[in-house]
Amino acid sequence: MAEVQDRGALKAIEETASWLELAVESGVLPAAKPASLLDEANPVAAILTTTDKKAKRSGG
């Protein structure tokens, strides 16, 4: 069950990062606004990816 929740959280983080990057690239947001959010999102995504991989290896 944790694996499914982690994947959902990872997907949400990836989608949020994509939308923030799109907003910056299109000029809707200045780059400084979402920069700190993206800086925080990347390590969280890495943690969730690692958790998901470990869960798959352990069969859970």
N, C-alpha and C. Protein backbone atom coordinates (compact mmCIF):
# COMPACT_ATOMS: atom_id res chain seq x y z
N MET A 1 0.83 -1.20 0.00
CA MET A 1 0.00 0.00 0.00
C MET A 1 0.87 1.26 0.00
N ALA A 2 1.99 1.24 0.74
CA ALA A 2 2.86 2.41 0.79
C ALA A 2 3.43 2.72 -0.58
N GLU A 3 3.70 1.68 -1.36
CA GLU A 3 4.26 1.87 -2.69
C GLU A 3 3.31 2.69 -3.56
N VAL A 4 2.04 2.37 -3.52
CA VAL A 4 1.04 3.09 -4.32
C VAL A 4 0.95 4.54 -3.88
N GLN A 5 0.93 4.78 -2.57
CA GLN A 5 0.87 6.15 -2.05
C GLN A 5 2.11 6.93 -2.45
N ASP A 6 3.29 6.30 -2.37
CA ASP A 6 4.52 6.98 -2.76
C ASP A 6 4.49 7.36 -4.23
N ARG A 7 3.98 6.46 -5.08
CA ARG A 7 3.91 6.78 -6.50
C ARG A 7 2.95 7.93 -6.76
N GLY A 8 1.85 7.98 -6.02
CA GLY A 8 0.91 9.08 -6.17
C GLY A 8 1.53 10.40 -5.75
N ALA A 9 2.26 10.38 -4.66
CA ALA A 9 2.94 11.59 -4.18
C ALA A 9 4.02 12.01 -5.17
N LEU A 10 4.77 11.04 -5.69
CA LEU A 10 5.81 11.34 -6.66
C LEU A 10 5.20 11.96 -7.92
N LYS A 11 4.11 11.39 -8.38
CA LYS A 11 3.44 11.94 -9.57
C LYS A 11 2.98 13.37 -9.32
N ALA A 12 2.44 13.63 -8.14
CA ALA A 12 1.98 14.98 -7.81
C ALA A 12 3.14 15.97 -7.80
N ILE A 13 4.26 15.57 -7.23
CA ILE A 13 5.43 16.45 -7.19
C ILE A 13 5.95 16.72 -8.60
N GLU A 14 6.03 15.67 -9.41
CA GLU A 14 6.52 15.84 -10.78
C GLU A 14 5.59 16.75 -11.59
N GLU A 15 4.28 16.57 -11.43
CA GLU A 15 3.33 17.41 -12.16
C GLU A 15 3.40 18.86 -11.70
N THR A 16 3.53 19.06 -10.40
CA THR A 16 3.64 20.42 -9.88
C THR A 16 4.90 21.10 -10.41
N ALA A 17 6.00 20.37 -10.40
CA ALA A 17 7.26 20.93 -10.92
C ALA A 17 7.12 21.29 -12.39
N SER A 18 6.46 20.42 -13.15
CA SER A 18 6.27 20.69 -14.58
C SER A 18 5.44 21.95 -14.80
N TRP A 19 4.36 22.10 -14.03
CA TRP A 19 3.53 23.29 -14.17
C TRP A 19 4.28 24.56 -13.77
N LEU A 20 5.06 24.47 -12.69
CA LEU A 20 5.84 25.64 -12.27
C LEU A 20 6.85 26.03 -13.34
N GLU A 21 7.53 25.04 -13.90
CA GLU A 21 8.51 25.32 -14.95
C GLU A 21 7.83 25.92 -16.18
N LEU A 22 6.67 25.41 -16.54
CA LEU A 22 5.92 25.95 -17.67
C LEU A 22 5.51 27.40 -17.41
N ALA A 23 5.07 27.68 -16.19
CA ALA A 23 4.66 29.04 -15.84
C ALA A 23 5.83 30.01 -15.94
N VAL A 24 7.02 29.56 -15.55
CA VAL A 24 8.21 30.42 -15.64
C VAL A 24 8.59 30.60 -17.11
N GLU A 25 8.63 29.49 -17.86
CA GLU A 25 9.03 29.57 -19.27
C GLU A 25 8.07 30.42 -20.10
N SER A 26 6.81 30.43 -19.74
CA SER A 26 5.83 31.21 -20.50
C SER A 26 5.75 32.66 -20.04
N GLY A 27 6.47 32.99 -18.97
CA GLY A 27 6.48 34.35 -18.48
C GLY A 27 5.36 34.69 -17.51
N VAL A 28 4.56 33.71 -17.14
CA VAL A 28 3.46 33.95 -16.20
C VAL A 28 4.00 34.24 -14.80
N LEU A 29 5.07 33.55 -14.43
CA LEU A 29 5.71 33.76 -13.12
C LEU A 29 7.16 34.15 -13.32
N PRO A 30 7.67 35.05 -12.50
CA PRO A 30 9.11 35.32 -12.55
C PRO A 30 9.86 34.11 -12.00
N ALA A 31 11.04 33.87 -12.50
CA ALA A 31 11.81 32.67 -12.15
C ALA A 31 12.07 32.56 -10.65
N ALA A 32 12.21 33.68 -9.98
CA ALA A 32 12.54 33.65 -8.55
C ALA A 32 11.40 33.08 -7.70
N LYS A 33 10.17 33.26 -8.13
CA LYS A 33 9.01 32.82 -7.33
C LYS A 33 9.03 31.32 -7.06
N PRO A 34 9.02 30.48 -8.10
CA PRO A 34 8.95 29.05 -7.83
C PRO A 34 10.30 28.38 -7.60
N ALA A 35 11.37 29.13 -7.68
CA ALA A 35 12.70 28.52 -7.56
C ALA A 35 12.86 27.77 -6.24
N SER A 36 12.43 28.36 -5.14
CA SER A 36 12.60 27.69 -3.85
C SER A 36 11.72 26.45 -3.76
N LEU A 37 10.53 26.51 -4.36
CA LEU A 37 9.66 25.34 -4.38
C LEU A 37 10.28 24.21 -5.19
N LEU A 38 10.85 24.54 -6.33
CA LEU A 38 11.49 23.53 -7.16
C LEU A 38 12.73 22.97 -6.46
N ASP A 39 13.45 23.82 -5.74
CA ASP A 39 14.61 23.35 -4.99
C ASP A 39 14.22 22.34 -3.92
N GLU A 40 13.04 22.50 -3.35
CA GLU A 40 12.56 21.56 -2.34
C GLU A 40 11.93 20.32 -2.99
N ALA A 41 11.31 20.48 -4.13
CA ALA A 41 10.62 19.37 -4.78
C ALA A 41 11.59 18.30 -5.28
N ASN A 42 12.73 18.71 -5.77
CA ASN A 42 13.67 17.74 -6.34
C ASN A 42 14.18 16.73 -5.32
N PRO A 43 14.62 17.14 -4.12
CA PRO A 43 15.04 16.14 -3.14
C PRO A 43 13.89 15.25 -2.66
N VAL A 44 12.70 15.82 -2.54
CA VAL A 44 11.54 15.02 -2.11
C VAL A 44 11.24 13.97 -3.17
N ALA A 45 11.29 14.35 -4.43
CA ALA A 45 11.06 13.40 -5.53
C ALA A 45 12.12 12.29 -5.50
N ALA A 46 13.35 12.66 -5.22
CA ALA A 46 14.42 11.65 -5.14
C ALA A 46 14.17 10.67 -3.99
N ILE A 47 13.73 11.18 -2.86
CA ILE A 47 13.43 10.32 -1.71
C ILE A 47 12.29 9.36 -2.05
N LEU A 48 11.24 9.88 -2.67
CA LEU A 48 10.10 9.03 -3.01
C LEU A 48 10.47 7.99 -4.07
N THR A 49 11.32 8.36 -5.01
CA THR A 49 11.79 7.41 -6.02
C THR A 49 12.57 6.29 -5.37
N THR A 50 13.47 6.63 -4.45
CA THR A 50 14.25 5.63 -3.74
C THR A 50 13.36 4.72 -2.91
N THR A 51 12.39 5.30 -2.24
CA THR A 51 11.44 4.51 -1.43
C THR A 51 10.68 3.54 -2.30
N ASP A 52 10.22 4.00 -3.45
CA ASP A 52 9.47 3.16 -4.37
C ASP A 52 10.33 2.00 -4.87
N LYS A 53 11.58 2.29 -5.23
CA LYS A 53 12.49 1.24 -5.71
C LYS A 53 12.75 0.20 -4.63
N LYS A 54 12.97 0.66 -3.41
CA LYS A 54 13.22 -0.27 -2.31
C LYS A 54 11.98 -1.13 -2.03
N ALA A 55 10.81 -0.52 -2.12
CA ALA A 55 9.57 -1.27 -1.88
C ALA A 55 9.38 -2.35 -2.95
N LYS A 56 9.71 -2.03 -4.19
CA LYS A 56 9.59 -2.99 -5.27
C LYS A 56 10.55 -4.16 -5.07
N ARG A 57 11.78 -3.85 -4.62
CA ARG A 57 12.77 -4.90 -4.40
C ARG A 57 12.37 -5.83 -3.27
N SER A 58 11.75 -5.26 -2.24
CA SER A 58 11.37 -6.08 -1.09
C SER A 58 10.01 -6.75 -1.27
N GLY A 59 9.38 -6.48 -2.41
CA GLY A 59 8.10 -7.09 -2.70
C GLY A 59 6.93 -6.38 -2.08
N GLY A 60 7.13 -5.18 -1.58
CA GLY A 60 6.05 -4.47 -0.92
C GLY A 60 5.67 -3.26 -1.60
